C-alpha atoms as a PDB file:
ATOM      1  CA  ASP A   1     118.778 103.042 101.506  1.00  0.00           C
ATOM      2  CA  ASP A   2     115.687 105.009 102.544  1.00  0.00           C
ATOM      3  CA  GLY A   3     117.243 106.824 105.468  1.00  0.00           C
ATOM      4  CA  SER A   4     117.673 103.582 107.421  1.00  0.00           C
ATOM      5  CA  SER A   5     119.091 103.616 110.935  1.00  0.00           C
ATOM      6  CA  ASP A   6     120.588 100.104 110.774  1.00  0.00           C
ATOM      7  CA  ARG A   7     123.652  98.827 108.882  1.00  0.00           C
ATOM      8  CA  THR A   8     121.933  98.585 105.477  1.00  0.00           C
ATOM      9  CA  VAL A   9     124.672 100.366 103.533  1.00  0.00           C
ATOM     10  CA  ALA A  10     127.556  98.754 105.444  1.00  0.00           C
ATOM     11  CA  VAL A  11     126.194  95.239 104.894  1.00  0.00           C
ATOM     12  CA  ALA A  12     125.577  95.936 101.199  1.00  0.00           C
ATOM     13  CA  GLN A  13     129.167  97.172 100.792  1.00  0.00           C
ATOM     14  CA  GLU A  14     130.546  94.140 102.650  1.00  0.00           C
ATOM     15  CA  LEU A  15     128.627  91.858 100.259  1.00  0.00           C
ATOM     16  CA  GLY A  16     130.056  93.596  97.198  1.00  0.00           C
ATOM     17  CA  VAL A  17     126.971  95.497  96.013  1.00  0.00           C
ATOM     18  CA  HIS A  18     128.030  97.740  93.123  1.00  0.00           C
ATOM     19  CA  HIS A  19     125.321 100.393  93.221  1.00  0.00           C
ATOM     20  CA  ILE A  20     123.796 101.877  96.386  1.00  0.00           C
ATOM     21  CA  VAL A  21     121.203 104.657  96.183  1.00  0.00           C
ATOM     22  CA  ARG A  22     120.960 106.681  99.390  1.00  0.00           C
ATOM     23  CA  LEU A  23     118.023 108.971 100.142  1.00  0.00           C
ATOM     24  CA  ALA A  24     118.253 111.856 102.608  1.00  0.00           C
ATOM     25  CA  GLY A  25     115.900 110.728 105.352  1.00  0.00           C
ATOM     26  CA  ASN A  26     112.977 108.332 105.186  1.00  0.00           C
ATOM     27  CA  ARG A  27     110.973 109.156 102.049  1.00  0.00           C
ATOM     28  CA  GLY A  28     108.691 106.111 101.898  1.00  0.00           C
ATOM     29  CA  LEU A  29     108.693 102.828  99.978  1.00  0.00           C
ATOM     30  CA  ALA A  30     107.187 104.220  96.778  1.00  0.00           C
ATOM     31  CA  THR A  31     109.726 107.062  96.610  1.00  0.00           C
ATOM     32  CA  ALA A  32     112.605 104.639  97.235  1.00  0.00           C
ATOM     33  CA  PHE A  33     111.296 102.283  94.541  1.00  0.00           C
ATOM     34  CA  ALA A  34     111.070 105.123  92.004  1.00  0.00           C
ATOM     35  CA  ALA A  35     114.616 106.265  92.863  1.00  0.00           C
ATOM     36  CA  GLY A  36     115.921 102.739  92.308  1.00  0.00           C
ATOM     37  CA  ILE A  37     114.158 102.473  88.947  1.00  0.00           C
ATOM     38  CA  ARG A  38     115.583 105.822  87.790  1.00  0.00           C
ATOM     39  CA  HIS A  39     119.087 104.808  88.885  1.00  0.00           C
ATOM     40  CA  ALA A  40     118.900 101.483  87.023  1.00  0.00           C
ATOM     41  CA  VAL A  41     117.512 102.994  83.814  1.00  0.00           C
ATOM     42  CA  ALA A  42     120.107 105.793  83.836  1.00  0.00           C
ATOM     43  CA  ARG A  43     122.817 103.133  83.883  1.00  0.00           C
ATOM     44  CA  GLY A  44     121.409 101.253  80.928  1.00  0.00           C
ATOM     45  CA  ALA A  45     119.515  98.395  82.605  1.00  0.00           C
ATOM     46  CA  ASP A  46     117.415  96.322  80.191  1.00  0.00           C
ATOM     47  CA  ILE A  47     115.529  94.489  82.976  1.00  0.00           C
ATOM     48  CA  VAL A  48     114.971  95.566  86.588  1.00  0.00           C
ATOM     49  CA  VAL A  49     113.992  93.078  89.313  1.00  0.00           C
ATOM     50  CA  ASN A  50     112.560  94.374  92.569  1.00  0.00           C
ATOM     51  CA  THR A  51     112.343  92.371  95.794  1.00  0.00           C
ATOM     52  CA  ASP A  52     111.386  93.293  99.359  1.00  0.00           C
ATOM     53  CA  GLY A  53     113.911  93.956 102.101  1.00  0.00           C
ATOM     54  CA  ASP A  54     112.357  91.471 104.536  1.00  0.00           C
ATOM     55  CA  ASN A  55     113.616  88.460 102.517  1.00  0.00           C
ATOM     56  CA  GLN A  56     110.160  86.933 102.106  1.00  0.00           C
ATOM     57  CA  TYR A  57     110.646  86.130  98.402  1.00  0.00           C
ATOM     58  CA  PHE A  58     112.844  83.249  97.235  1.00  0.00           C
ATOM     59  CA  GLY A  59     115.672  84.759  95.179  1.00  0.00           C
ATOM     60  CA  GLY A  60     116.193  81.527  93.252  1.00  0.00           C
ATOM     61  CA  ASP A  61     113.012  82.307  91.295  1.00  0.00           C
ATOM     62  CA  ILE A  62     114.504  85.409  89.634  1.00  0.00           C
ATOM     63  CA  PRO A  63     115.431  83.503  86.417  1.00  0.00           C
ATOM     64  CA  ARG A  64     111.788  82.388  86.077  1.00  0.00           C
ATOM     65  CA  LEU A  65     110.589  85.920  86.813  1.00  0.00           C
ATOM     66  CA  VAL A  66     112.601  87.523  83.989  1.00  0.00           C
ATOM     67  CA  GLU A  67     112.012  84.768  81.417  1.00  0.00           C
ATOM     68  CA  PRO A  68     108.767  86.236  79.974  1.00  0.00           C
ATOM     69  CA  ILE A  69     110.561  89.559  79.434  1.00  0.00           C
ATOM     70  CA  LEU A  70     113.572  87.893  77.835  1.00  0.00           C
ATOM     71  CA  ASN A  71     111.394  85.968  75.376  1.00  0.00           C
ATOM     72  CA  GLY A  72     109.405  89.108  74.530  1.00  0.00           C
ATOM     73  CA  SER A  73     105.999  88.034  75.863  1.00  0.00           C
ATOM     74  CA  ALA A  74     105.736  90.498  78.766  1.00  0.00           C
ATOM     75  CA  ASP A  75     106.774  93.982  79.889  1.00  0.00           C
ATOM     76  CA  MET A  76     106.091  93.390  83.563  1.00  0.00           C
ATOM     77  CA  VAL A  77     105.994  90.141  85.558  1.00  0.00           C
ATOM     78  CA  VAL A  78     104.582  89.789  89.076  1.00  0.00           C
ATOM     79  CA  GLY A  79     105.613  86.898  91.309  1.00  0.00           C
ATOM     80  CA  CYS A  80     102.495  85.612  93.074  1.00  0.00           C
ATOM     81  CA  ARG A  81     102.669  84.123  96.553  1.00  0.00           C
ATOM     82  CA  PRO A  82     100.409  81.188  97.520  1.00  0.00           C
ATOM     83  CA  ILE A  83      97.913  83.411  99.386  1.00  0.00           C
ATOM     84  CA  ALA A  84      95.321  80.781 100.333  1.00  0.00           C
ATOM     85  CA  GLY A  85      97.965  78.271 101.380  1.00  0.00           C
ATOM     86  CA  HIS A  86     100.444  80.706 102.972  1.00  0.00           C
ATOM     87  CA  GLN A  87     101.197  79.332 106.447  1.00  0.00           C
ATOM     88  CA  GLU A  88     102.258  82.698 107.881  1.00  0.00           C
ATOM     89  CA  PHE A  89      99.149  84.614 106.740  1.00  0.00           C
ATOM     90  CA  GLY A  90      96.200  84.703 109.147  1.00  0.00           C
ATOM     91  CA  LEU A  91      92.624  84.284 107.933  1.00  0.00           C
ATOM     92  CA  LEU A  92      91.976  88.035 107.967  1.00  0.00           C
ATOM     93  CA  LYS A  93      95.105  88.820 105.957  1.00  0.00           C
ATOM     94  CA  LYS A  94      94.307  86.078 103.453  1.00  0.00           C
ATOM     95  CA  ALA A  95      90.780  87.425 102.990  1.00  0.00           C
ATOM     96  CA  LEU A  96      91.986  91.015 102.576  1.00  0.00           C
ATOM     97  CA  GLN A  97      94.678  89.967 100.096  1.00  0.00           C
ATOM     98  CA  LEU A  98      92.237  87.943  97.989  1.00  0.00           C
ATOM     99  CA  ILE A  99      89.568  90.672  97.993  1.00  0.00           C
ATOM    100  CA  GLY A 100      92.095  93.416  97.293  1.00  0.00           C
ATOM    101  CA  SER A 101      93.652  91.483  94.407  1.00  0.00           C
ATOM    102  CA  TRP A 102      90.179  90.901  92.922  1.00  0.00           C
ATOM    103  CA  VAL A 103      89.445  94.642  93.038  1.00  0.00           C
ATOM    104  CA  VAL A 104      92.817  95.467  91.458  1.00  0.00           C
ATOM    105  CA  ARG A 105      92.192  92.957  88.667  1.00  0.00           C
ATOM    106  CA  ARG A 106      88.946  94.742  87.855  1.00  0.00           C
ATOM    107  CA  ILE A 107      90.555  98.192  87.816  1.00  0.00           C
ATOM    108  CA  SER A 108      93.812  97.179  86.102  1.00  0.00           C
ATOM    109  CA  ARG A 109      92.298  94.744  83.574  1.00  0.00           C
ATOM    110  CA  THR A 110      95.004  92.229  84.424  1.00  0.00           C
ATOM    111  CA  ARG A 111      94.878  88.693  85.828  1.00  0.00           C
ATOM    112  CA  VAL A 112      97.460  89.055  88.589  1.00  0.00           C
ATOM    113  CA  ARG A 113      96.439  86.974  91.611  1.00  0.00           C
ATOM    114  CA  ASP A 114      98.697  88.723  94.161  1.00  0.00           C
ATOM    115  CA  ALA A 115      98.434  92.464  93.588  1.00  0.00           C
ATOM    116  CA  ALA A 116     100.434  93.362  96.717  1.00  0.00           C
ATOM    117  CA  SER A 117     103.463  91.276  95.775  1.00  0.00           C
ATOM    118  CA  GLY A 118     106.708  93.247  95.679  1.00  0.00           C
ATOM    119  CA  PHE A 119     108.630  90.568  93.752  1.00  0.00           C
ATOM    120  CA  ARG A 120     108.525  91.911  90.192  1.00  0.00           C
ATOM    121  CA  ALA A 121     110.486  92.194  86.977  1.00  0.00           C
ATOM    122  CA  PHE A 122     110.202  95.185  84.635  1.00  0.00           C
ATOM    123  CA  SER A 123     111.417  95.706  81.095  1.00  0.00           C
ATOM    124  CA  ARG A 124     113.206  98.939  80.297  1.00  0.00           C
ATOM    125  CA  GLN A 125     110.119 100.146  78.416  1.00  0.00           C
ATOM    126  CA  ALA A 126     107.923  99.531  81.476  1.00  0.00           C
ATOM    127  CA  CYS A 127     110.383 101.368  83.734  1.00  0.00           C
ATOM    128  CA  VAL A 128     110.310 104.434  81.485  1.00  0.00           C
ATOM    129  CA  ARG A 129     106.509 104.520  81.186  1.00  0.00           C
ATOM    130  CA  LEU A 130     105.511 103.951  84.814  1.00  0.00           C
ATOM    131  CA  PHE A 131     105.235 106.893  87.228  1.00  0.00           C
ATOM    132  CA  VAL A 132     104.532 106.529  90.942  1.00  0.00           C
ATOM    133  CA  HIS A 133     102.373 109.216  92.586  1.00  0.00           C
ATOM    134  CA  SER A 134     102.036 107.617  96.035  1.00  0.00           C
ATOM    135  CA  ARG A 135     104.642 107.715  98.794  1.00  0.00           C
ATOM    136  CA  PHE A 136     103.332 104.653 100.628  1.00  0.00           C
ATOM    137  CA  SER A 137     103.580 101.738  98.171  1.00  0.00           C
ATOM    138  CA  TYR A 138     104.108 101.313  94.452  1.00  0.00           C
ATOM    139  CA  CYS A 139     102.567  97.824  94.145  1.00  0.00           C
ATOM    140  CA  LEU A 140      98.922  98.583  93.354  1.00  0.00           C
ATOM    141  CA  GLU A 141      99.608 101.823  91.511  1.00  0.00           C
ATOM    142  CA  THR A 142     102.166 100.449  89.045  1.00  0.00           C
ATOM    143  CA  LEU A 143      99.999  97.398  88.352  1.00  0.00           C
ATOM    144  CA  ILE A 144      96.925  99.534  87.588  1.00  0.00           C
ATOM    145  CA  GLN A 145      99.008 101.897  85.448  1.00  0.00           C
ATOM    146  CA  ALA A 146     100.560  99.043  83.505  1.00  0.00           C
ATOM    147  CA  GLY A 147      97.239  97.360  82.807  1.00  0.00           C
ATOM    148  CA  ASN A 148      95.591 100.564  81.634  1.00  0.00           C
ATOM    149  CA  SER A 149      98.483 101.834  79.510  1.00  0.00           C
ATOM    150  CA  GLY A 150      98.867  98.847  77.220  1.00  0.00           C
ATOM    151  CA  LEU A 151     101.843  97.182  78.915  1.00  0.00           C
ATOM    152  CA  ARG A 152     101.794  93.391  78.836  1.00  0.00           C
ATOM    153  CA  VAL A 153     101.515  92.072  82.395  1.00  0.00           C
ATOM    154  CA  GLU A 154     102.046  88.449  83.355  1.00  0.00           C
ATOM    155  CA  SER A 155     102.142  86.661  86.702  1.00  0.00           C
ATOM    156  CA  LEU A 156     103.660  83.409  87.869  1.00  0.00           C
ATOM    157  CA  ASP A 157     103.722  81.425  91.089  1.00  0.00           C
ATOM    158  CA  ILE A 158     106.845  81.905  93.176  1.00  0.00           C
ATOM    159  CA  ARG A 159     108.220  80.439  96.387  1.00  0.00           C
ATOM    160  CA  VAL A 160     108.576  82.270  99.700  1.00  0.00           C
ATOM    161  CA  ASN A 161     111.068  82.156 102.553  1.00  0.00           C
ATOM    162  CA  PRO A 162     110.190  81.822 106.267  1.00  0.00           C
ATOM    163  CA  LYS A 163     109.476  85.195 107.885  1.00  0.00           C
ATOM    164  CA  THR A 164     112.475  86.726 109.659  1.00  0.00           C
ATOM    165  CA  ARG A 165     110.810  89.912 110.995  1.00  0.00           C
ATOM    166  CA  GLU A 166     107.606  91.920 110.891  1.00  0.00           C
ATOM    167  CA  SER A 167     106.978  94.413 108.100  1.00  0.00           C
ATOM    168  CA  ARG A 168     108.283  97.944 108.640  1.00  0.00           C
ATOM    169  CA  LEU A 169     106.011  99.419 105.978  1.00  0.00           C
ATOM    170  CA  TYR A 170     103.030  99.807 108.327  1.00  0.00           C
ATOM    171  CA  ARG A 171     102.348  99.676 112.080  1.00  0.00           C
ATOM    172  CA  ASN A 172      99.121  97.670 111.996  1.00  0.00           C
ATOM    173  CA  MET A 173      96.608  96.115 109.611  1.00  0.00           C
ATOM    174  CA  PRO A 174      94.006  98.969 109.751  1.00  0.00           C
ATOM    175  CA  GLU A 175      96.692 101.463 108.686  1.00  0.00           C
ATOM    176  CA  TYR A 176      97.766  99.220 105.804  1.00  0.00           C
ATOM    177  CA  VAL A 177      94.193  98.668 104.611  1.00  0.00           C
ATOM    178  CA  GLY A 178      93.375 102.377 104.856  1.00  0.00           C
ATOM    179  CA  ARG A 179      96.386 103.397 102.792  1.00  0.00           C
ATOM    180  CA  GLN A 180      95.761 100.734 100.148  1.00  0.00           C
ATOM    181  CA  VAL A 181      92.073 101.686  99.858  1.00  0.00           C
ATOM    182  CA  SER A 182      93.120 105.316  99.400  1.00  0.00           C
ATOM    183  CA  THR A 183      95.461 104.258  96.580  1.00  0.00           C
ATOM    184  CA  LEU A 184      92.719 102.185  94.920  1.00  0.00           C
ATOM    185  CA  ILE A 185      90.277 105.096  95.005  1.00  0.00           C
ATOM    186  CA  SER A 186      92.871 107.476  93.544  1.00  0.00           C
ATOM    187  CA  MET A 187      93.703 105.055  90.738  1.00  0.00           C
ATOM    188  CA  ALA A 188      90.026 104.357  90.019  1.00  0.00           C
ATOM    189  CA  LEU A 189      89.387 108.098  89.708  1.00  0.00           C
ATOM    190  CA  LEU A 190      92.375 108.487  87.415  1.00  0.00           C
ATOM    191  CA  TYR A 191      91.904 105.480  85.112  1.00  0.00           C
ATOM    192  CA  ARG A 192      88.243 104.407  85.445  1.00  0.00           C
ATOM    193  CA  PRO A 193      86.300 107.582  86.351  1.00  0.00           C
ATOM    194  CA  PHE A 194      83.079 106.657  84.502  1.00  0.00           C
ATOM    195  CA  GLU A 195      82.732 103.262  86.199  1.00  0.00           C
ATOM    196  CA  PHE A 196      83.699 104.771  89.573  1.00  0.00           C
ATOM    197  CA  PHE A 197      81.039 107.474  89.553  1.00  0.00           C
ATOM    198  CA  VAL A 198      78.406 105.167  88.072  1.00  0.00           C
ATOM    199  CA  ALA A 199      79.006 102.761  90.951  1.00  0.00           C
ATOM    200  CA  LEU A 200      78.598 105.607  93.465  1.00  0.00           C
ATOM    201  CA  ALA A 201      75.469 106.959  91.811  1.00  0.00           C
ATOM    202  CA  ALA A 202      73.731 103.632  91.128  1.00  0.00           C
ATOM    203  CA  PRO A 203      72.256 103.070  94.637  1.00  0.00           C
ATOM    204  CA  LEU A 204      70.839 106.604  94.755  1.00  0.00           C
ATOM    205  CA  PHE A 205      69.496 106.302  91.216  1.00  0.00           C
ATOM    206  CA  ILE A 206      67.801 102.987  91.985  1.00  0.00           C
ATOM    207  CA  ALA A 207      66.245 104.403  95.181  1.00  0.00           C
ATOM    208  CA  ALA A 208      64.983 107.496  93.345  1.00  0.00           C
ATOM    209  CA  LEU A 209      63.626 105.360  90.504  1.00  0.00           C
ATOM    210  CA  ALA A 210      61.759 103.152  92.984  1.00  0.00           C
ATOM    211  CA  LEU A 211      60.167 106.202  94.614  1.00  0.00           C
ATOM    212  CA  GLY A 212      59.292 107.665  91.226  1.00  0.00           C
ATOM    213  CA  ILE A 213      57.615 104.457  90.066  1.00  0.00           C
ATOM    214  CA  ARG A 214      55.620 104.323  93.308  1.00  0.00           C
ATOM    215  CA  TYR A 215      54.225 107.843  92.792  1.00  0.00           C
ATOM    216  CA  MET A 216      53.600 107.260  89.092  1.00  0.00           C
END
């Protein structure tokens, strides 16, 4: 409960939820995610499954999501939505999701097709090793960390539910894109600094080389 103003806690108690973590005021999705992970690990959880509060992911796919961890082939599993065929995604959102996931695959050295998916399963080892710096969203950051720290990351296709409400994580698409780009740049600087600065310097180097060859 990230300082919510609705009946989040009351509904959870009515449904028999055993553990409720309450934060003092709205701290952001990434902070709430990290608090949930710490709470689960402290109570001896072997596997942690995370899903979004807007009910977009089909809960019946949880057994499939945890199977690679149970059989020892993965430390982290990401449930991938059908981006290209998603009926509730507009063309712009589909394009941004596909491009963003491609960039994350390059930085994280994984093959996850839906980097922004919040439907994930983590082994206890993954929970202990991952650390979230951002306050906005954990999705890209934990995926890049996992891929660059030797954790085994798998992905599988999952089903989605019809949308019941708009996202409360961001007000509009430009804000969401700006925050995600900021996270990508931070992670690239942290985990792939050589490639990042080479990419920045390459255009200037090529231009200078062209001028130098001309004068020579």
